[in-house]
Amino acid sequence: PMLLSTFSHFSLFHMAANMYVLWSFSSSIV
């Protein structure tokens, strides 16, 4: 669960907020 919990989210809003931040910074980090 230390890894698998990072792929589950409480709600669609929770997932959308996390994915937006990841998308915003992904090109820079890559």
Full PDB file with SEQRES, HELIX, SHEET, SSBOND, CRYST1, ORIGX, SCALE, CONECT and MASTER records, all heavy atoms in Angstrom:
SEQRES   1 A   30  PRO MET LEU LEU SER THR PHE SER HIS PHE SER LEU PHE          
SEQRES   2 A   30  HIS MET ALA ALA ASN MET TYR VAL LEU TRP SER PHE SER          
SEQRES   3 A   30  SER SER ILE VAL                                              
HELIX    1 AA1 LEU A    4  PHE A    7  5                                   4    
HELIX    2 AA2 LEU A   12  ILE A   29  1                                  18    
CRYST1    1.000    1.000    1.000  90.00  90.00  90.00 P 1           1          
ORIGX1      1.000000  0.000000  0.000000        0.00000                         
ORIGX2      0.000000  1.000000  0.000000        0.00000                         
ORIGX3      0.000000  0.000000  1.000000        0.00000                         
SCALE1      1.000000  0.000000  0.000000        0.00000                         
SCALE2      0.000000  1.000000  0.000000        0.00000                         
SCALE3      0.000000  0.000000  1.000000        0.00000                         
ATOM      1  N   PRO A   1       0.795  -1.233   0.000  1.00  0.00           N  
ATOM      2  CA  PRO A   1       0.000   0.000   0.000  1.00  0.00           C  
ATOM      3  C   PRO A   1       0.825   1.281   0.000  1.00  0.00           C  
ATOM      4  O   PRO A   1       0.324   2.333  -0.390  1.00  0.00           O  
ATOM      5  CB  PRO A   1      -0.818  -0.100   1.296  1.00  0.00           C  
ATOM      6  CG  PRO A   1      -0.910  -1.548   1.573  1.00  0.00           C  
ATOM      7  CD  PRO A   1       0.404  -2.102   1.120  1.00  0.00           C  
ATOM      8  N   MET A   2       2.094   1.198   0.395  1.00  0.00           N  
ATOM      9  CA  MET A   2       2.922   2.403   0.363  1.00  0.00           C  
ATOM     10  C   MET A   2       3.072   2.920  -1.065  1.00  0.00           C  
ATOM     11  O   MET A   2       3.185   4.124  -1.284  1.00  0.00           O  
ATOM     12  CB  MET A   2       4.293   2.118   0.980  1.00  0.00           C  
ATOM     13  CG  MET A   2       4.231   1.884   2.475  1.00  0.00           C  
ATOM     14  SD  MET A   2       5.804   1.366   3.178  1.00  0.00           S  
ATOM     15  CE  MET A   2       6.689   2.898   3.193  1.00  0.00           C  
ATOM     16  N   LEU A   3       3.048   2.032  -2.036  1.00  0.00           N  
ATOM     17  CA  LEU A   3       3.094   2.438  -3.438  1.00  0.00           C  
ATOM     18  C   LEU A   3       1.691   2.502  -4.042  1.00  0.00           C  
ATOM     19  O   LEU A   3       1.332   3.477  -4.689  1.00  0.00           O  
ATOM     20  CB  LEU A   3       3.965   1.473  -4.255  1.00  0.00           C  
ATOM     21  CG  LEU A   3       4.017   1.757  -5.752  1.00  0.00           C  
ATOM     22  CD1 LEU A   3       4.651   3.119  -6.022  1.00  0.00           C  
ATOM     23  CD2 LEU A   3       4.763   0.675  -6.484  1.00  0.00           C  
ATOM     24  N   LEU A   4       0.890   1.472  -3.809  1.00  0.00           N  
ATOM     25  CA  LEU A   4      -0.418   1.398  -4.454  1.00  0.00           C  
ATOM     26  C   LEU A   4      -1.371   2.520  -4.028  1.00  0.00           C  
ATOM     27  O   LEU A   4      -2.216   2.935  -4.814  1.00  0.00           O  
ATOM     28  CB  LEU A   4      -1.065   0.034  -4.186  1.00  0.00           C  
ATOM     29  CG  LEU A   4      -0.322  -1.170  -4.769  1.00  0.00           C  
ATOM     30  CD1 LEU A   4      -1.000  -2.467  -4.358  1.00  0.00           C  
ATOM     31  CD2 LEU A   4      -0.221  -1.061  -6.284  1.00  0.00           C  
ATOM     32  N   SER A   5      -1.203   3.034  -2.814  1.00  0.00           N  
ATOM     33  CA  SER A   5      -2.093   4.107  -2.352  1.00  0.00           C  
ATOM     34  C   SER A   5      -1.909   5.384  -3.163  1.00  0.00           C  
ATOM     35  O   SER A   5      -2.799   6.228  -3.200  1.00  0.00           O  
ATOM     36  CB  SER A   5      -1.874   4.393  -0.871  1.00  0.00           C  
ATOM     37  OG  SER A   5      -0.577   4.906  -0.646  1.00  0.00           O  
ATOM     38  N   THR A   6      -0.771   5.517  -3.836  1.00  0.00           N  
ATOM     39  CA  THR A   6      -0.551   6.714  -4.657  1.00  0.00           C  
ATOM     40  C   THR A   6      -1.347   6.663  -5.960  1.00  0.00           C  
ATOM     41  O   THR A   6      -1.397   7.653  -6.679  1.00  0.00           O  
ATOM     42  CB  THR A   6       0.946   6.913  -4.976  1.00  0.00           C  
ATOM     43  OG1 THR A   6       1.412   5.822  -5.759  1.00  0.00           O  
ATOM     44  CG2 THR A   6       1.772   7.037  -3.716  1.00  0.00           C  
ATOM     45  N   PHE A   7      -1.971   5.531  -6.246  1.00  0.00           N  
ATOM     46  CA  PHE A   7      -2.776   5.411  -7.461  1.00  0.00           C  
ATOM     47  C   PHE A   7      -4.272   5.411  -7.163  1.00  0.00           C  
ATOM     48  O   PHE A   7      -5.078   5.171  -8.054  1.00  0.00           O  
ATOM     49  CB  PHE A   7      -2.392   4.131  -8.223  1.00  0.00           C  
ATOM     50  CG  PHE A   7      -0.985   4.180  -8.733  1.00  0.00           C  
ATOM     51  CD1 PHE A   7       0.028   3.489  -8.082  1.00  0.00           C  
ATOM     52  CD2 PHE A   7      -0.660   4.931  -9.840  1.00  0.00           C  
ATOM     53  CE1 PHE A   7       1.330   3.538  -8.532  1.00  0.00           C  
ATOM     54  CE2 PHE A   7       0.644   5.001 -10.302  1.00  0.00           C  
ATOM     55  CZ  PHE A   7       1.649   4.299  -9.647  1.00  0.00           C  
ATOM     56  N   SER A   8      -4.654   5.625  -5.918  1.00  0.00           N  
ATOM     57  CA  SER A   8      -6.077   5.688  -5.569  1.00  0.00           C  
ATOM     58  C   SER A   8      -6.382   7.074  -5.010  1.00  0.00           C  
ATOM     59  O   SER A   8      -5.516   7.731  -4.435  1.00  0.00           O  
ATOM     60  CB  SER A   8      -6.434   4.601  -4.554  1.00  0.00           C  
ATOM     61  OG  SER A   8      -5.717   4.763  -3.359  1.00  0.00           O  
ATOM     62  N   HIS A   9      -7.613   7.508  -5.184  1.00  0.00           N  
ATOM     63  CA  HIS A   9      -8.032   8.831  -4.733  1.00  0.00           C  
ATOM     64  C   HIS A   9      -9.416   8.747  -4.116  1.00  0.00           C  
ATOM     65  O   HIS A   9     -10.207   7.868  -4.446  1.00  0.00           O  
ATOM     66  CB  HIS A   9      -8.006   9.828  -5.895  1.00  0.00           C  
ATOM     67  CG  HIS A   9      -6.621  10.172  -6.320  1.00  0.00           C  
ATOM     68  ND1 HIS A   9      -5.882   9.372  -7.165  1.00  0.00           N  
ATOM     69  CD2 HIS A   9      -5.809  11.209  -5.993  1.00  0.00           C  
ATOM     70  CE1 HIS A   9      -4.693   9.918  -7.349  1.00  0.00           C  
ATOM     71  NE2 HIS A   9      -4.622  11.030  -6.649  1.00  0.00           N  
ATOM     72  N   PHE A  10      -9.704   9.690  -3.238  1.00  0.00           N  
ATOM     73  CA  PHE A  10     -10.958   9.710  -2.503  1.00  0.00           C  
ATOM     74  C   PHE A  10     -12.135  10.093  -3.388  1.00  0.00           C  
ATOM     75  O   PHE A  10     -13.226   9.576  -3.245  1.00  0.00           O  
ATOM     76  CB  PHE A  10     -10.830  10.683  -1.323  1.00  0.00           C  
ATOM     77  CG  PHE A  10     -12.066  10.793  -0.499  1.00  0.00           C  
ATOM     78  CD1 PHE A  10     -12.442   9.760   0.345  1.00  0.00           C  
ATOM     79  CD2 PHE A  10     -12.870  11.918  -0.573  1.00  0.00           C  
ATOM     80  CE1 PHE A  10     -13.590   9.848   1.108  1.00  0.00           C  
ATOM     81  CE2 PHE A  10     -14.010  12.015   0.181  1.00  0.00           C  
ATOM     82  CZ  PHE A  10     -14.374  10.975   1.026  1.00  0.00           C  
ATOM     83  N   SER A  11     -11.912  11.007  -4.303  1.00  0.00           N  
ATOM     84  CA  SER A  11     -13.004  11.498  -5.146  1.00  0.00           C  
ATOM     85  C   SER A  11     -12.442  11.932  -6.494  1.00  0.00           C  
ATOM     86  O   SER A  11     -11.225  12.038  -6.680  1.00  0.00           O  
ATOM     87  CB  SER A  11     -13.696  12.693  -4.482  1.00  0.00           C  
ATOM     88  OG  SER A  11     -12.804  13.788  -4.393  1.00  0.00           O  
ATOM     89  N   LEU A  12     -13.328  12.210  -7.415  1.00  0.00           N  
ATOM     90  CA  LEU A  12     -12.921  12.695  -8.730  1.00  0.00           C  
ATOM     91  C   LEU A  12     -12.219  14.053  -8.606  1.00  0.00           C  
ATOM     92  O   LEU A  12     -11.227  14.311  -9.283  1.00  0.00           O  
ATOM     93  CB  LEU A  12     -14.135  12.794  -9.653  1.00  0.00           C  
ATOM     94  CG  LEU A  12     -13.849  13.137 -11.104  1.00  0.00           C  
ATOM     95  CD1 LEU A  12     -12.929  12.105 -11.733  1.00  0.00           C  
ATOM     96  CD2 LEU A  12     -15.140  13.241 -11.889  1.00  0.00           C  
ATOM     97  N   PHE A  13     -12.702  14.910  -7.715  1.00  0.00           N  
ATOM     98  CA  PHE A  13     -12.063  16.209  -7.501  1.00  0.00           C  
ATOM     99  C   PHE A  13     -10.645  16.036  -6.949  1.00  0.00           C  
ATOM    100  O   PHE A  13      -9.718  16.722  -7.386  1.00  0.00           O  
ATOM    101  CB  PHE A  13     -12.891  17.081  -6.548  1.00  0.00           C  
ATOM    102  CG  PHE A  13     -12.233  18.396  -6.249  1.00  0.00           C  
ATOM    103  CD1 PHE A  13     -12.251  19.425  -7.182  1.00  0.00           C  
ATOM    104  CD2 PHE A  13     -11.560  18.597  -5.051  1.00  0.00           C  
ATOM    105  CE1 PHE A  13     -11.618  20.635  -6.925  1.00  0.00           C  
ATOM    106  CE2 PHE A  13     -10.921  19.798  -4.786  1.00  0.00           C  
ATOM    107  CZ  PHE A  13     -10.957  20.813  -5.721  1.00  0.00           C  
ATOM    108  N   HIS A  14     -10.468  15.113  -5.994  1.00  0.00           N  
ATOM    109  CA  HIS A  14      -9.153  14.822  -5.424  1.00  0.00           C  
ATOM    110  C   HIS A  14      -8.186  14.397  -6.524  1.00  0.00           C  
ATOM    111  O   HIS A  14      -7.060  14.902  -6.613  1.00  0.00           O  
ATOM    112  CB  HIS A  14      -9.311  13.722  -4.361  1.00  0.00           C  
ATOM    113  CG  HIS A  14      -8.062  13.353  -3.646  1.00  0.00           C  
ATOM    114  ND1 HIS A  14      -7.881  12.102  -3.091  1.00  0.00           N  
ATOM    115  CD2 HIS A  14      -6.924  14.034  -3.380  1.00  0.00           C  
ATOM    116  CE1 HIS A  14      -6.688  12.051  -2.519  1.00  0.00           C  
ATOM    117  NE2 HIS A  14      -6.093  13.201  -2.675  1.00  0.00           N  
ATOM    118  N   MET A  15      -8.624  13.487  -7.378  1.00  0.00           N  
ATOM    119  CA  MET A  15      -7.784  13.018  -8.466  1.00  0.00           C  
ATOM    120  C   MET A  15      -7.511  14.140  -9.472  1.00  0.00           C  
ATOM    121  O   MET A  15      -6.373  14.324  -9.919  1.00  0.00           O  
ATOM    122  CB  MET A  15      -8.410  11.821  -9.177  1.00  0.00           C  
ATOM    123  CG  MET A  15      -7.494  11.227 -10.223  1.00  0.00           C  
ATOM    124  SD  MET A  15      -8.119   9.727 -10.958  1.00  0.00           S  
ATOM    125  CE  MET A  15      -9.287  10.387 -12.114  1.00  0.00           C  
ATOM    126  N   ALA A  16      -8.542  14.923  -9.812  1.00  0.00           N  
ATOM    127  CA  ALA A  16      -8.376  16.001 -10.789  1.00  0.00           C  
ATOM    128  C   ALA A  16      -7.388  17.050 -10.287  1.00  0.00           C  
ATOM    129  O   ALA A  16      -6.528  17.526 -11.046  1.00  0.00           O  
ATOM    130  CB  ALA A  16      -9.726  16.641 -11.096  1.00  0.00           C  
ATOM    131  N   ALA A  17      -7.466  17.401  -9.013  1.00  0.00           N  
ATOM    132  CA  ALA A  17      -6.543  18.396  -8.457  1.00  0.00           C  
ATOM    133  C   ALA A  17      -5.106  17.880  -8.509  1.00  0.00           C  
ATOM    134  O   ALA A  17      -4.188  18.601  -8.924  1.00  0.00           O  
ATOM    135  CB  ALA A  17      -6.941  18.731  -7.017  1.00  0.00           C  
ATOM    136  N   ASN A  18      -4.891  16.626  -8.094  1.00  0.00           N  
ATOM    137  CA  ASN A  18      -3.543  16.051  -8.143  1.00  0.00           C  
ATOM    138  C   ASN A  18      -3.021  15.955  -9.571  1.00  0.00           C  
ATOM    139  O   ASN A  18      -1.859  16.273  -9.835  1.00  0.00           O  
ATOM    140  CB  ASN A  18      -3.529  14.665  -7.484  1.00  0.00           C  
ATOM    141  CG  ASN A  18      -3.372  14.732  -5.993  1.00  0.00           C  
ATOM    142  OD1 ASN A  18      -2.904  15.712  -5.440  1.00  0.00           O  
ATOM    143  ND2 ASN A  18      -3.777  13.681  -5.314  1.00  0.00           N  
ATOM    144  N   MET A  19      -3.854  15.513 -10.486  1.00  0.00           N  
ATOM    145  CA  MET A  19      -3.406  15.356 -11.868  1.00  0.00           C  
ATOM    146  C   MET A  19      -3.138  16.708 -12.534  1.00  0.00           C  
ATOM    147  O   MET A  19      -2.239  16.834 -13.362  1.00  0.00           O  
ATOM    148  CB  MET A  19      -4.425  14.549 -12.691  1.00  0.00           C  
ATOM    149  CG  MET A  19      -4.550  13.096 -12.236  1.00  0.00           C  
ATOM    150  SD  MET A  19      -2.990  12.182 -12.212  1.00  0.00           S  
ATOM    151  CE  MET A  19      -2.615  12.115 -10.455  1.00  0.00           C  
ATOM    152  N   TYR A  20      -3.881  17.745 -12.154  1.00  0.00           N  
ATOM    153  CA  TYR A  20      -3.625  19.076 -12.702  1.00  0.00           C  
ATOM    154  C   TYR A  20      -2.241  19.574 -12.275  1.00  0.00           C  
ATOM    155  O   TYR A  20      -1.471  20.092 -13.084  1.00  0.00           O  
ATOM    156  CB  TYR A  20      -4.713  20.076 -12.275  1.00  0.00           C  
ATOM    157  CG  TYR A  20      -4.397  21.470 -12.739  1.00  0.00           C  
ATOM    158  CD1 TYR A  20      -4.568  21.829 -14.074  1.00  0.00           C  
ATOM    159  CD2 TYR A  20      -3.883  22.420 -11.865  1.00  0.00           C  
ATOM    160  CE1 TYR A  20      -4.237  23.093 -14.520  1.00  0.00           C  
ATOM    161  CE2 TYR A  20      -3.554  23.688 -12.297  1.00  0.00           C  
ATOM    162  CZ  TYR A  20      -3.739  24.021 -13.632  1.00  0.00           C  
ATOM    163  OH  TYR A  20      -3.399  25.272 -14.076  1.00  0.00           O  
ATOM    164  N   VAL A  21      -1.927  19.415 -10.988  1.00  0.00           N  
ATOM    165  CA  VAL A  21      -0.617  19.850 -10.497  1.00  0.00           C  
ATOM    166  C   VAL A  21       0.492  19.034 -11.162  1.00  0.00           C  
ATOM    167  O   VAL A  21       1.507  19.582 -11.598  1.00  0.00           O  
ATOM    168  CB  VAL A  21      -0.538  19.763  -8.955  1.00  0.00           C  
ATOM    169  CG1 VAL A  21       0.867  20.088  -8.459  1.00  0.00           C  
ATOM    170  CG2 VAL A  21      -1.557  20.695  -8.318  1.00  0.00           C  
ATOM    171  N   LEU A  22       0.291  17.714 -11.263  1.00  0.00           N  
ATOM    172  CA  LEU A  22       1.291  16.875 -11.930  1.00  0.00           C  
ATOM    173  C   LEU A  22       1.472  17.305 -13.385  1.00  0.00           C  
ATOM    174  O   LEU A  22       2.597  17.443 -13.869  1.00  0.00           O  
ATOM    175  CB  LEU A  22       0.886  15.400 -11.844  1.00  0.00           C  
ATOM    176  CG  LEU A  22       1.857  14.409 -12.480  1.00  0.00           C  
ATOM    177  CD1 LEU A  22       3.220  14.469 -11.801  1.00  0.00           C  
ATOM    178  CD2 LEU A  22       1.293  12.995 -12.393  1.00  0.00           C  
ATOM    179  N   TRP A  23       0.392  17.528 -14.082  1.00  0.00           N  
ATOM    180  CA  TRP A  23       0.451  17.965 -15.482  1.00  0.00           C  
ATOM    181  C   TRP A  23       1.171  19.310 -15.594  1.00  0.00           C  
ATOM    182  O   TRP A  23       1.986  19.524 -16.501  1.00  0.00           O  
ATOM    183  CB  TRP A  23      -0.954  18.055 -16.059  1.00  0.00           C  
ATOM    184  CG  TRP A  23      -1.000  18.623 -17.434  1.00  0.00           C  
ATOM    185  CD1 TRP A  23      -0.693  17.994 -18.609  1.00  0.00           C  
ATOM    186  CD2 TRP A  23      -1.371  19.965 -17.788  1.00  0.00           C  
ATOM    187  NE1 TRP A  23      -0.842  18.852 -19.664  1.00  0.00           N  
ATOM    188  CE2 TRP A  23      -1.261  20.077 -19.183  1.00  0.00           C  
ATOM    189  CE3 TRP A  23      -1.787  21.061 -17.055  1.00  0.00           C  
ATOM    190  CZ2 TRP A  23      -1.552  21.254 -19.863  1.00  0.00           C  
ATOM    191  CZ3 TRP A  23      -2.071  22.238 -17.725  1.00  0.00           C  
ATOM    192  CH2 TRP A  23      -1.954  22.317 -19.116  1.00  0.00           C  
ATOM    193  N   SER A  24       0.897  20.232 -14.661  1.00  0.00           N  
ATOM    194  CA  SER A  24       1.502  21.566 -14.698  1.00  0.00           C  
ATOM    195  C   SER A  24       3.020  21.519 -14.572  1.00  0.00           C  
ATOM    196  O   SER A  24       3.720  22.331 -15.169  1.00  0.00           O  
ATOM    197  CB  SER A  24       0.942  22.432 -13.565  1.00  0.00           C  
ATOM    198  OG  SER A  24      -0.431  22.629 -13.719  1.00  0.00           O  
ATOM    199  N   PHE A  25       3.533  20.568 -13.786  1.00  0.00           N  
ATOM    200  CA  PHE A  25       4.970  20.513 -13.531  1.00  0.00           C  
ATOM    201  C   PHE A  25       5.669  19.377 -14.284  1.00  0.00           C  
ATOM    202  O   PHE A  25       6.891  19.266 -14.215  1.00  0.00           O  
ATOM    203  CB  PHE A  25       5.233  20.367 -12.026  1.00  0.00           C  
ATOM    204  CG  PHE A  25       4.938  21.620 -11.264  1.00  0.00           C  
ATOM    205  CD1 PHE A  25       3.683  21.865 -10.749  1.00  0.00           C  
ATOM    206  CD2 PHE A  25       5.922  22.575 -11.082  1.00  0.00           C  
ATOM    207  CE1 PHE A  25       3.404  23.029 -10.062  1.00  0.00           C  
ATOM    208  CE2 PHE A  25       5.657  23.742 -10.386  1.00  0.00           C  
ATOM    209  CZ  PHE A  25       4.391  23.975  -9.871  1.00  0.00           C  
ATOM    210  N   SER A  26       4.917  18.538 -14.988  1.00  0.00           N  
ATOM    211  CA  SER A  26       5.518  17.346 -15.597  1.00  0.00           C  
ATOM    212  C   SER A  26       6.534  17.673 -16.693  1.00  0.00           C  
ATOM    213  O   SER A  26       7.587  17.041 -16.761  1.00  0.00           O  
ATOM    214  CB  SER A  26       4.442  16.408 -16.135  1.00  0.00           C  
ATOM    215  OG  SER A  26       3.686  17.045 -17.140  1.00  0.00           O  
ATOM    216  N   SER A  27       6.253  18.636 -17.539  1.00  0.00           N  
ATOM    217  CA  SER A  27       7.208  18.925 -18.623  1.00  0.00           C  
ATOM    218  C   SER A  27       8.525  19.453 -18.053  1.00  0.00           C  
ATOM    219  O   SER A  27       9.598  19.108 -18.546  1.00  0.00           O  
ATOM    220  CB  SER A  27       6.616  19.902 -19.635  1.00  0.00           C  
ATOM    221  OG  SER A  27       6.285  21.123 -19.004  1.00  0.00           O  
ATOM    222  N   SER A  28       8.456  20.244 -16.986  1.00  0.00           N  
ATOM    223  CA  SER A  28       9.681  20.769 -16.372  1.00  0.00           C  
ATOM    224  C   SER A  28      10.497  19.666 -15.730  1.00  0.00           C  
ATOM    225  O   SER A  28      11.719  19.611 -15.894  1.00  0.00           O  
ATOM    226  CB  SER A  28       9.340  21.828 -15.315  1.00  0.00           C  
ATOM    227  OG  SER A  28       8.700  22.918 -15.906  1.00  0.00           O  
ATOM    228  N   ILE A  29       9.838  18.773 -15.001  1.00  0.00           N  
ATOM    229  CA  ILE A  29      10.582  17.718 -14.303  1.00  0.00           C  
ATOM    230  C   ILE A  29      11.152  16.707 -15.293  1.00  0.00           C  
ATOM    231  O   ILE A  29      12.265  16.223 -15.121  1.00  0.00           O  
ATOM    232  CB  ILE A  29       9.731  17.036 -13.206  1.00  0.00           C  
ATOM    233  CG1 ILE A  29      10.602  16.221 -12.256  1.00  0.00           C  
ATOM    234  CG2 ILE A  29       8.649  16.167 -13.780  1.00  0.00           C  
ATOM    235  CD1 ILE A  29      11.479  17.006 -11.360  1.00  0.00           C  
ATOM    236  N   VAL A  30      10.418  16.408 -16.362  1.00  0.00           N  
ATOM    237  CA  VAL A  30      10.934  15.471 -17.361  1.00  0.00           C  
ATOM    238  C   VAL A  30      12.110  16.091 -18.107  1.00  0.00           C  
ATOM    239  O   VAL A  30      13.094  15.403 -18.396  1.00  0.00           O  
ATOM    240  CB  VAL A  30       9.816  15.005 -18.325  1.00  0.00           C  
ATOM    241  CG1 VAL A  30      10.383  14.243 -19.503  1.00  0.00           C  
ATOM    242  CG2 VAL A  30       8.813  14.139 -17.575  1.00  0.00           C  
TER     243      VAL A  30                                                      
MASTER        0    0    0    2    0    0    0    6  242    1    0    3          
END                                                                             
